[in-house]
Amino acid sequence: MNAADLVATGVSNTLRARARTTLTVLAIFVGAFTLTLTSGLGTGINRYIDDTVSALGASDVITVTKVSDVDAGATASGPREYDPDAVVTGQGLARNAVTLMTASDLDDIGAIDGVLDVAPVTSVQLDYVQYAEGAPYVAGLTALVAGQTVQLAAGTAPDVDAAELEVTIPVSYVEPLGFDDADEAIGETLDLTLTDAAFTAHTVPAVIVAVAEEGLTGPGGSSLIANTALQDELATLQSAGLPADQLDRWSSATAWFDPGLTTTQIDNLKARLADAGYTGTTTADQLGAFTTVIDTIVLVLNVFAAIALLAAGFGIVNTLLMSVQERTREIGLMKALGMSSARVFTLFSIEAVFIGFLGSAIGVAAAMVVGTAASSILAGALLSALPGLTIIAFDPVTIALTILLIMFVAFLAGTLPAARAAGKDPVEALRYE
């Protein structure tokens, strides 16, 4: 009996006891269904986290602020001592005091071991934006840091290196500004107006190159996104009229480090920044607690899936042991006709693997259908406030690995019955009643 005959015989034997096989397949189905949904949940959320991290900044970027001598926390319930170089951000217990940085601070940060480059984060406060002769609207403005990405509804992200003044508008601004849809806004000119320190208004025209989807974090949410040329132009105009000693002062800076650094090396870099009087925060720090919670939830759900698969494994053992018992004379006849113990073992192993394949394939298919439908429903209802989130997503490689894993578990579960069948004495088996 060649390999093809063994496979055909194994599949045929599996279908002989249909009721028992069906119950075993159902047990495997539960495990496969649960495991596929949990892995899909992890895939969907992790993709969203990756997009969020990309929006917050590249993995090789660290946001640096200068530690202030002011105890900002103490100011939550009382006055704080005036410091002309300190800026307090946040509200209540979340208030945080930082000292404005100067060019010398940038030099100091750049000299710290592990920092490859450093650039100040400039802040621009717009009065309003306006398209053609339409109504003016209040809008925030942010600029992309190299390595950041934005989820777009139309167009292409601003070119940080372009000399032209380019801007991305949020999708929520499309209709108010007078456009029928996102595509219509691409290529049009938007006027951005701000007031400088001397209370003089300046209007800067910029080309709309993209429309951004609403985002949970990072650029794109309700702010316009400027390329470097536009950001610099607006920052220069905003600074007009300021005393010389108030120019070139920033609340934070962006530092770049080697993307190949390990977590420990990044922690060491943050420690060196702290020793120099600065605080460093990476994108991983900003999302650390969130990812930990999600990973824990997925792990717990996977434990339930593993328990279901363990129960299914016992079902396979029981099914095949009963099959061996019922087919004792058949096994004796096969061995008397020359079938080796190895081939008998292989035959019953094929039956176990086929049962695993049936249960896993059906479970995975059902989970993909249910997961896709549930994800679509949730995206339009409970998760509508989290644009871009596909709560359950399926990765082809993960799906294939899930099926192979369950088939392997089925093979392991079938080794005991297969070994018992292979070890039967043909003479004794033929005498079995």
Protein backbone atom coordinates (compact mmCIF):
# COMPACT_ATOMS: atom_id res chain seq x y z
CA MET A 1 0.00 0.00 0.00
CA ASN A 2 1.64 3.23 -1.19
CA ALA A 3 1.31 6.69 0.39
CA ALA A 4 -1.69 7.69 -1.74
CA ASP A 5 -3.53 4.50 -0.81
CA LEU A 6 -2.80 5.09 2.87
CA VAL A 7 -4.25 8.61 2.70
CA ALA A 8 -7.33 7.48 0.80
CA THR A 9 -7.90 4.58 3.21
CA GLY A 10 -7.38 6.84 6.26
CA VAL A 11 -9.93 9.37 5.00
CA SER A 12 -12.40 6.61 4.16
CA ASN A 13 -12.02 4.99 7.59
CA THR A 14 -12.58 8.35 9.31
CA LEU A 15 -15.95 8.73 7.61
CA ARG A 16 -17.13 5.24 8.54
CA ALA A 17 -18.20 6.20 12.07
CA ARG A 18 -19.79 9.48 11.08
CA ALA A 19 -21.60 10.28 14.30
CA ARG A 20 -18.51 9.78 16.45
CA THR A 21 -16.29 11.61 13.99
CA THR A 22 -18.75 14.50 13.77
CA LEU A 23 -18.78 14.96 17.55
CA THR A 24 -14.96 14.96 17.62
CA VAL A 25 -14.80 17.43 14.74
CA LEU A 26 -17.22 19.70 16.61
CA ALA A 27 -14.93 19.67 19.65
CA ILE A 28 -12.00 20.69 17.45
CA PHE A 29 -14.22 23.26 15.75
CA VAL A 30 -14.76 25.07 19.06
CA GLY A 31 -11.02 25.31 19.70
CA ALA A 32 -10.22 26.38 16.13
CA PHE A 33 -13.05 28.91 16.10
CA THR A 34 -11.92 30.48 19.40
CA LEU A 35 -8.23 30.47 18.51
CA THR A 36 -8.88 32.07 15.11
CA LEU A 37 -11.06 34.82 16.57
CA THR A 38 -8.55 35.64 19.31
CA SER A 39 -5.64 35.70 16.87
CA GLY A 40 -7.74 37.88 14.55
CA LEU A 41 -8.49 40.20 17.45
CA GLY A 42 -4.79 40.44 18.24
CA THR A 43 -3.92 41.04 14.58
CA GLY A 44 -6.53 43.77 14.16
CA ILE A 45 -5.61 45.64 17.31
CA ASN A 46 -1.86 45.29 16.74
CA ARG A 47 -2.26 46.71 13.23
CA TYR A 48 -4.13 49.65 14.68
CA ILE A 49 -1.42 50.09 17.30
CA ASP A 50 1.24 50.03 14.58
CA ASP A 51 -0.67 52.71 12.66
CA THR A 52 -1.03 54.75 15.84
CA VAL A 53 2.67 54.42 16.65
CA SER A 54 3.49 55.46 13.11
CA ALA A 55 1.24 58.49 13.50
CA LEU A 56 2.80 59.44 16.82
CA GLY A 57 6.30 59.15 15.40
CA ALA A 58 8.90 56.78 14.10
CA SER A 59 10.29 54.05 16.32
CA ASP A 60 13.69 55.79 16.30
CA VAL A 61 12.38 59.11 17.62
CA ILE A 62 12.33 60.41 21.16
CA THR A 63 10.58 63.58 22.34
CA VAL A 64 12.79 65.60 24.69
CA THR A 65 11.73 68.25 27.18
CA LYS A 66 13.80 70.17 29.70
CA VAL A 67 13.10 69.46 33.34
CA SER A 68 11.80 72.51 35.21
CA ASP A 69 12.71 73.44 38.77
CA VAL A 70 9.06 74.35 39.27
CA ASP A 71 6.93 71.72 41.00
CA ALA A 72 4.00 71.75 38.57
CA GLY A 73 2.05 69.22 40.60
CA ALA A 74 1.96 71.54 43.56
CA THR A 75 0.36 74.25 41.45
CA ALA A 76 -2.79 72.18 40.97
CA SER A 77 -4.28 73.63 44.19
CA GLY A 78 -2.25 76.80 44.67
CA PRO A 79 -0.11 79.47 43.02
CA ARG A 80 3.33 78.71 41.67
CA GLU A 81 6.38 80.87 41.77
CA TYR A 82 6.90 82.79 38.52
CA ASP A 83 9.61 81.50 36.21
CA PRO A 84 9.91 83.33 32.87
CA ASP A 85 11.48 80.26 31.27
CA ALA A 86 8.88 77.74 32.49
CA VAL A 87 5.76 76.56 30.71
CA VAL A 88 3.04 74.62 32.50
CA THR A 89 0.98 72.25 30.41
CA GLY A 90 -2.07 70.12 31.25
CA GLN A 91 -4.72 70.58 33.92
CA GLY A 92 -5.12 69.67 37.58
CA LEU A 93 -2.95 66.77 38.74
CA ALA A 94 -1.83 66.25 35.14
CA ARG A 95 -0.09 69.64 35.05
CA ASN A 96 3.52 69.43 34.00
CA ALA A 97 6.14 72.16 34.05
CA VAL A 98 8.90 72.31 31.46
CA THR A 99 11.57 74.90 30.82
CA LEU A 100 11.79 76.47 27.38
CA MET A 101 14.80 75.25 25.47
CA THR A 102 17.27 77.35 23.52
CA ALA A 103 19.82 76.60 20.80
CA SER A 104 22.40 75.72 23.47
CA ASP A 105 20.04 73.05 24.82
CA LEU A 106 19.79 71.54 21.35
CA ASP A 107 23.58 71.44 21.19
CA ASP A 108 23.72 69.74 24.59
CA ILE A 109 21.14 67.13 23.56
CA GLY A 110 22.92 66.48 20.28
CA ALA A 111 26.17 65.85 22.17
CA ILE A 112 24.65 63.10 24.34
CA ASP A 113 25.89 59.63 23.45
CA GLY A 114 23.31 57.83 21.32
CA VAL A 115 21.60 60.91 19.86
CA LEU A 116 22.14 61.05 16.10
CA ASP A 117 20.28 64.28 15.38
CA VAL A 118 18.03 66.78 17.13
CA ALA A 119 15.54 69.39 15.93
CA PRO A 120 13.23 71.79 17.80
CA VAL A 121 9.47 71.32 17.75
CA THR A 122 7.94 74.60 16.62
CA SER A 123 4.38 75.49 17.56
CA VAL A 124 2.08 77.60 15.38
CA GLN A 125 -1.24 79.04 16.56
CA LEU A 126 -3.59 79.76 13.66
CA ASP A 127 -6.43 82.26 13.92
CA TYR A 128 -8.49 80.58 11.21
CA VAL A 129 -8.41 78.94 7.79
CA GLN A 130 -10.53 79.87 4.79
CA TYR A 131 -11.17 78.54 1.29
CA ALA A 132 -11.97 81.10 -1.43
CA GLU A 133 -14.68 83.44 -0.11
CA GLY A 134 -16.18 80.84 2.22
CA ALA A 135 -16.64 81.04 5.96
CA PRO A 136 -13.48 81.04 8.13
CA TYR A 137 -12.96 78.12 10.52
CA VAL A 138 -10.78 77.71 13.57
CA ALA A 139 -8.12 75.03 13.10
CA GLY A 140 -5.04 73.68 14.80
CA LEU A 141 -1.82 73.01 12.96
CA THR A 142 0.85 70.38 13.38
CA ALA A 143 3.81 69.25 11.36
CA LEU A 144 4.99 65.78 10.46
CA VAL A 145 8.12 64.44 12.10
CA ALA A 146 10.23 62.32 9.78
CA GLY A 147 8.94 58.75 10.01
CA GLN A 148 5.35 59.68 10.86
CA THR A 149 2.52 58.54 8.62
CA VAL A 150 -1.09 59.63 8.28
CA GLN A 151 -4.14 57.61 7.26
CA LEU A 152 -5.46 59.43 4.21
CA ALA A 153 -8.90 59.62 2.63
CA ALA A 154 -7.49 61.21 -0.53
CA GLY A 155 -4.27 62.63 -1.95
CA THR A 156 -0.70 62.08 -0.75
CA ALA A 157 0.91 63.18 2.50
CA PRO A 158 2.83 66.48 2.51
CA ASP A 159 6.44 66.20 1.37
CA VAL A 160 8.53 67.27 4.36
CA ASP A 161 11.40 68.22 2.05
CA ALA A 162 9.37 70.12 -0.59
CA ALA A 163 9.91 73.85 -1.06
CA GLU A 164 6.24 74.38 -1.91
CA LEU A 165 3.82 75.19 0.91
CA GLU A 166 1.69 72.05 1.35
CA VAL A 167 -1.07 71.21 3.81
CA THR A 168 -3.34 68.29 4.68
CA ILE A 169 -6.84 68.97 5.99
CA PRO A 170 -8.93 66.65 8.21
CA VAL A 171 -11.84 64.91 6.51
CA SER A 172 -14.21 66.73 8.89
CA TYR A 173 -13.26 70.04 7.23
CA VAL A 174 -14.09 68.95 3.67
CA GLU A 175 -17.78 69.89 3.57
CA PRO A 176 -17.58 72.99 5.83
CA LEU A 177 -14.90 74.47 3.58
CA GLY A 178 -17.19 73.99 0.57
CA PHE A 179 -15.96 70.80 -1.09
CA ASP A 180 -18.32 68.03 -2.21
CA ASP A 181 -15.86 65.29 -1.34
CA ALA A 182 -12.23 64.69 -0.35
CA ASP A 183 -11.01 64.26 -3.92
CA GLU A 184 -12.38 67.66 -4.92
CA ALA A 185 -10.25 69.37 -2.26
CA ILE A 186 -6.95 68.04 -3.63
CA GLY A 187 -4.97 70.71 -5.46
CA GLU A 188 -7.02 73.65 -4.16
CA THR A 189 -5.50 76.56 -2.26
CA LEU A 190 -6.32 77.10 1.42
CA ASP A 191 -5.61 80.42 3.18
CA LEU A 192 -4.12 80.16 6.68
CA THR A 193 -4.28 83.28 8.85
CA LEU A 194 -2.39 84.01 12.07
CA THR A 195 -1.44 87.04 14.17
CA ASP A 196 2.13 87.87 15.13
CA ALA A 197 3.46 89.32 18.39
CA ALA A 198 2.79 92.85 17.11
CA PHE A 199 -0.88 91.97 16.50
CA THR A 200 -0.45 92.06 12.74
CA ALA A 201 -2.45 89.49 10.78
CA HIS A 202 -0.72 87.41 8.12
CA THR A 203 -2.39 85.18 5.53
CA VAL A 204 -0.40 82.38 3.89
CA PRO A 205 -1.79 80.35 0.96
CA ALA A 206 -0.98 76.64 0.87
CA VAL A 207 -1.91 73.87 -1.53
CA ILE A 208 -4.13 71.08 -0.18
CA VAL A 209 -2.28 67.87 -1.08
CA ALA A 210 -4.24 65.39 1.06
CA VAL A 211 -7.29 64.79 3.21
CA ALA A 212 -6.63 62.88 6.44
CA GLU A 213 -8.93 60.40 8.11
CA GLU A 214 -9.93 61.09 11.68
CA GLY A 215 -7.31 59.57 13.98
CA LEU A 216 -7.26 58.53 17.62
CA THR A 217 -3.82 60.06 18.19
CA GLY A 218 -1.10 61.86 16.34
CA PRO A 219 -1.47 64.21 13.38
CA GLY A 220 -4.67 64.09 11.40
CA GLY A 221 -7.35 64.13 14.09
CA SER A 222 -8.76 67.68 14.00
CA SER A 223 -5.57 69.50 13.01
CA LEU A 224 -4.15 70.56 9.70
CA ILE A 225 -0.81 69.03 8.81
CA ALA A 226 1.89 71.23 7.32
CA ASN A 227 5.07 70.28 5.54
CA THR A 228 8.34 71.72 6.82
CA ALA A 229 8.34 74.69 4.44
CA LEU A 230 4.85 75.79 5.50
CA GLN A 231 5.56 75.25 9.19
CA ASP A 232 8.76 77.33 8.99
CA GLU A 233 7.00 80.11 7.05
CA LEU A 234 4.19 80.35 9.58
CA ALA A 235 6.55 80.13 12.57
CA THR A 236 8.66 82.97 11.17
CA LEU A 237 5.62 85.19 10.64
CA GLN A 238 4.27 84.36 14.09
CA SER A 239 7.56 85.40 15.70
CA ALA A 240 7.56 88.84 14.08
CA GLY A 241 7.62 91.55 16.70
CA LEU A 242 9.09 89.40 19.46
CA PRO A 243 12.12 90.73 21.39
CA ALA A 244 15.40 89.17 20.30
CA ASP A 245 15.77 87.28 23.59
CA GLN A 246 12.39 85.58 23.04
CA LEU A 247 13.24 84.15 19.62
CA ASP A 248 14.34 80.57 19.08
CA ARG A 249 12.82 79.14 22.26
CA TRP A 250 10.97 75.84 22.22
CA SER A 251 9.05 73.73 24.73
CA SER A 252 10.31 70.42 23.27
CA ALA A 253 12.64 68.89 20.73
CA THR A 254 12.74 65.74 18.65
CA ALA A 255 15.85 63.57 18.84
CA TRP A 256 16.72 60.64 16.60
CA PHE A 257 18.62 57.54 17.65
CA ASP A 258 19.81 54.33 15.98
CA PRO A 259 16.68 52.26 15.14
CA GLY A 260 18.69 49.14 15.92
CA LEU A 261 18.96 49.97 19.62
CA THR A 262 17.52 47.43 22.03
CA THR A 263 15.00 48.33 24.73
CA THR A 264 17.79 48.34 27.31
CA GLN A 265 19.93 50.64 25.20
CA ILE A 266 16.98 53.04 24.72
CA ASP A 267 16.43 53.05 28.49
CA ASN A 268 20.12 53.88 28.94
CA LEU A 269 19.75 56.75 26.48
CA LYS A 270 16.80 58.13 28.46
CA ALA A 271 18.89 57.81 31.63
CA ARG A 272 21.70 59.85 30.02
CA LEU A 273 19.15 62.49 29.01
CA ALA A 274 17.85 62.57 32.59
CA ASP A 275 21.38 63.01 33.95
CA ALA A 276 21.74 66.03 31.66
CA GLY A 277 18.48 67.55 32.92
CA TYR A 278 16.11 66.41 30.17
CA THR A 279 13.18 64.00 29.92
CA GLY A 280 12.88 61.64 26.95
CA THR A 281 9.67 59.93 25.85
CA THR A 282 9.43 57.45 22.98
CA THR A 283 6.32 56.40 21.08
CA ALA A 284 6.50 53.05 22.84
CA ASP A 285 6.27 54.87 26.19
CA GLN A 286 3.13 56.68 25.06
CA LEU A 287 1.37 53.43 24.11
CA GLY A 288 3.02 51.05 26.57
CA ALA A 289 0.11 50.68 29.00
CA PHE A 290 -2.40 50.31 26.19
CA THR A 291 -0.48 47.54 24.43
CA THR A 292 0.08 45.71 27.72
CA VAL A 293 -3.66 45.60 28.41
CA ILE A 294 -4.47 44.38 24.89
CA ASP A 295 -1.76 41.71 24.96
CA THR A 296 -3.08 40.47 28.32
CA ILE A 297 -6.65 40.24 27.00
CA VAL A 298 -5.52 38.32 23.91
CA LEU A 299 -3.41 36.00 26.06
CA VAL A 300 -6.37 35.18 28.33
CA LEU A 301 -8.59 34.46 25.32
CA ASN A 302 -5.89 32.23 23.82
CA VAL A 303 -5.79 30.26 27.09
CA PHE A 304 -9.49 29.49 26.69
CA ALA A 305 -8.81 28.40 23.10
CA ALA A 306 -5.99 26.14 24.30
CA ILE A 307 -8.32 24.55 26.86
CA ALA A 308 -10.86 23.87 24.11
CA LEU A 309 -8.16 22.27 21.96
CA LEU A 310 -7.00 20.14 24.89
CA ALA A 311 -10.56 18.86 25.33
CA ALA A 312 -10.71 18.18 21.59
CA GLY A 313 -7.45 16.23 21.86
CA PHE A 314 -9.02 13.87 24.41
CA GLY A 315 -11.93 13.49 22.02
CA ILE A 316 -9.57 12.36 19.26
CA VAL A 317 -7.92 9.86 21.60
CA ASN A 318 -11.31 8.45 22.58
CA THR A 319 -12.54 8.27 18.98
CA LEU A 320 -9.48 6.46 17.69
CA LEU A 321 -9.22 4.10 20.66
CA MET A 322 -12.79 3.00 20.02
CA SER A 323 -11.97 2.68 16.34
CA VAL A 324 -8.98 0.45 17.13
CA GLN A 325 -11.13 -1.67 19.41
CA GLU A 326 -13.84 -2.10 16.79
CA ARG A 327 -11.39 -2.86 14.00
CA THR A 328 -9.17 -5.32 15.85
CA ARG A 329 -9.85 -8.19 13.42
CA GLU A 330 -9.38 -5.82 10.47
CA ILE A 331 -6.00 -4.76 11.84
CA GLY A 332 -5.01 -8.40 12.31
CA LEU A 333 -6.01 -9.18 8.72
CA MET A 334 -4.01 -6.22 7.36
CA LYS A 335 -0.91 -7.31 9.28
CA ALA A 336 -1.40 -10.96 8.26
CA LEU A 337 -1.46 -9.81 4.62
CA GLY A 338 1.91 -8.13 5.06
CA MET A 339 1.20 -4.59 6.24
CA SER A 340 3.98 -3.50 8.56
CA SER A 341 3.44 -2.00 11.99
CA ALA A 342 4.82 1.30 10.71
CA ARG A 343 2.16 1.47 8.00
CA VAL A 344 -0.59 0.62 10.48
CA PHE A 345 0.67 3.42 12.72
CA THR A 346 0.72 5.79 9.73
CA LEU A 347 -2.81 4.80 8.74
CA PHE A 348 -4.29 5.68 12.12
CA SER A 349 -2.17 8.83 12.35
CA ILE A 350 -3.63 9.95 9.02
CA GLU A 351 -7.10 9.44 10.44
CA ALA A 352 -6.24 11.65 13.43
CA VAL A 353 -4.72 14.36 11.25
CA PHE A 354 -7.71 14.32 8.90
CA ILE A 355 -10.09 14.78 11.83
CA GLY A 356 -7.92 17.70 12.97
CA PHE A 357 -7.98 19.17 9.47
CA LEU A 358 -11.76 18.94 9.20
CA GLY A 359 -12.34 20.58 12.57
CA SER A 360 -9.75 23.30 12.06
CA ALA A 361 -10.78 24.16 8.50
CA ILE A 362 -14.46 24.45 9.41
CA GLY A 363 -13.67 26.36 12.62
CA VAL A 364 -11.33 28.80 10.85
CA ALA A 365 -13.81 29.41 8.03
CA ALA A 366 -16.66 30.04 10.48
CA ALA A 367 -14.48 32.34 12.59
CA MET A 368 -13.49 34.40 9.54
CA VAL A 369 -17.11 34.84 8.50
CA VAL A 370 -18.30 35.75 12.00
CA GLY A 371 -15.24 37.90 12.72
CA THR A 372 -15.53 39.89 9.49
CA ALA A 373 -19.24 40.50 10.02
CA ALA A 374 -18.78 41.47 13.68
CA SER A 375 -15.89 43.79 12.81
CA SER A 376 -17.98 45.59 10.19
CA ILE A 377 -20.92 45.99 12.58
CA LEU A 378 -18.73 47.27 15.42
CA ALA A 379 -16.85 49.68 13.13
CA GLY A 380 -20.13 51.39 12.30
CA ALA A 381 -21.46 51.39 15.85
CA LEU A 382 -19.51 50.99 19.09
CA LEU A 383 -16.10 51.61 17.50
CA SER A 384 -17.13 54.48 15.23
CA ALA A 385 -15.09 56.83 17.45
CA LEU A 386 -11.93 54.90 16.56
CA PRO A 387 -11.52 55.51 12.84
CA GLY A 388 -9.23 53.12 11.04
CA LEU A 389 -9.71 50.32 13.58
CA THR A 390 -10.60 46.91 12.20
CA ILE A 391 -11.14 45.12 15.49
CA ILE A 392 -10.82 41.63 13.99
CA ALA A 393 -8.44 41.16 11.07
CA PHE A 394 -7.08 37.93 9.62
CA ASP A 395 -3.55 37.31 8.46
CA PRO A 396 -3.21 34.46 5.88
CA VAL A 397 0.04 33.23 7.43
CA THR A 398 -1.51 33.13 10.91
CA ILE A 399 -4.56 31.29 9.57
CA ALA A 400 -2.36 28.66 7.87
CA LEU A 401 -0.26 28.25 11.03
CA THR A 402 -3.43 27.82 13.11
CA ILE A 403 -4.65 24.97 10.90
CA LEU A 404 -1.21 23.32 10.93
CA LEU A 405 -0.99 23.68 14.71
CA ILE A 406 -4.35 22.00 15.25
CA MET A 407 -3.44 19.20 12.82
CA PHE A 408 -0.22 18.68 14.78
CA VAL A 409 -2.17 18.55 18.04
CA ALA A 410 -4.47 15.99 16.44
CA PHE A 411 -1.45 13.94 15.34
CA LEU A 412 -0.07 13.94 18.89
CA ALA A 413 -3.47 12.94 20.25
CA GLY A 414 -3.62 10.07 17.78
CA THR A 415 -0.19 8.62 18.57
CA LEU A 416 -1.44 6.46 21.48
CA PRO A 417 -4.27 4.79 19.54
CA ALA A 418 -2.01 4.45 16.48
CA ALA A 419 0.74 2.85 18.54
CA ARG A 420 -1.77 0.44 20.13
CA ALA A 421 -3.03 -0.54 16.67
CA ALA A 422 0.51 -0.98 15.34
CA GLY A 423 1.50 -3.14 18.29
CA LYS A 424 -1.30 -5.71 17.96
CA ASP A 425 -0.29 -9.29 17.31
CA PRO A 426 -1.94 -10.42 14.03
CA VAL A 427 -2.78 -13.91 15.35
CA GLU A 428 -4.39 -12.60 18.53
CA ALA A 429 -6.16 -9.87 16.56
CA LEU A 430 -7.70 -12.41 14.16
CA ARG A 431 -9.02 -14.44 17.11
CA TYR A 432 -10.67 -11.36 18.60
CA GLU A 433 -14.45 -11.57 18.85
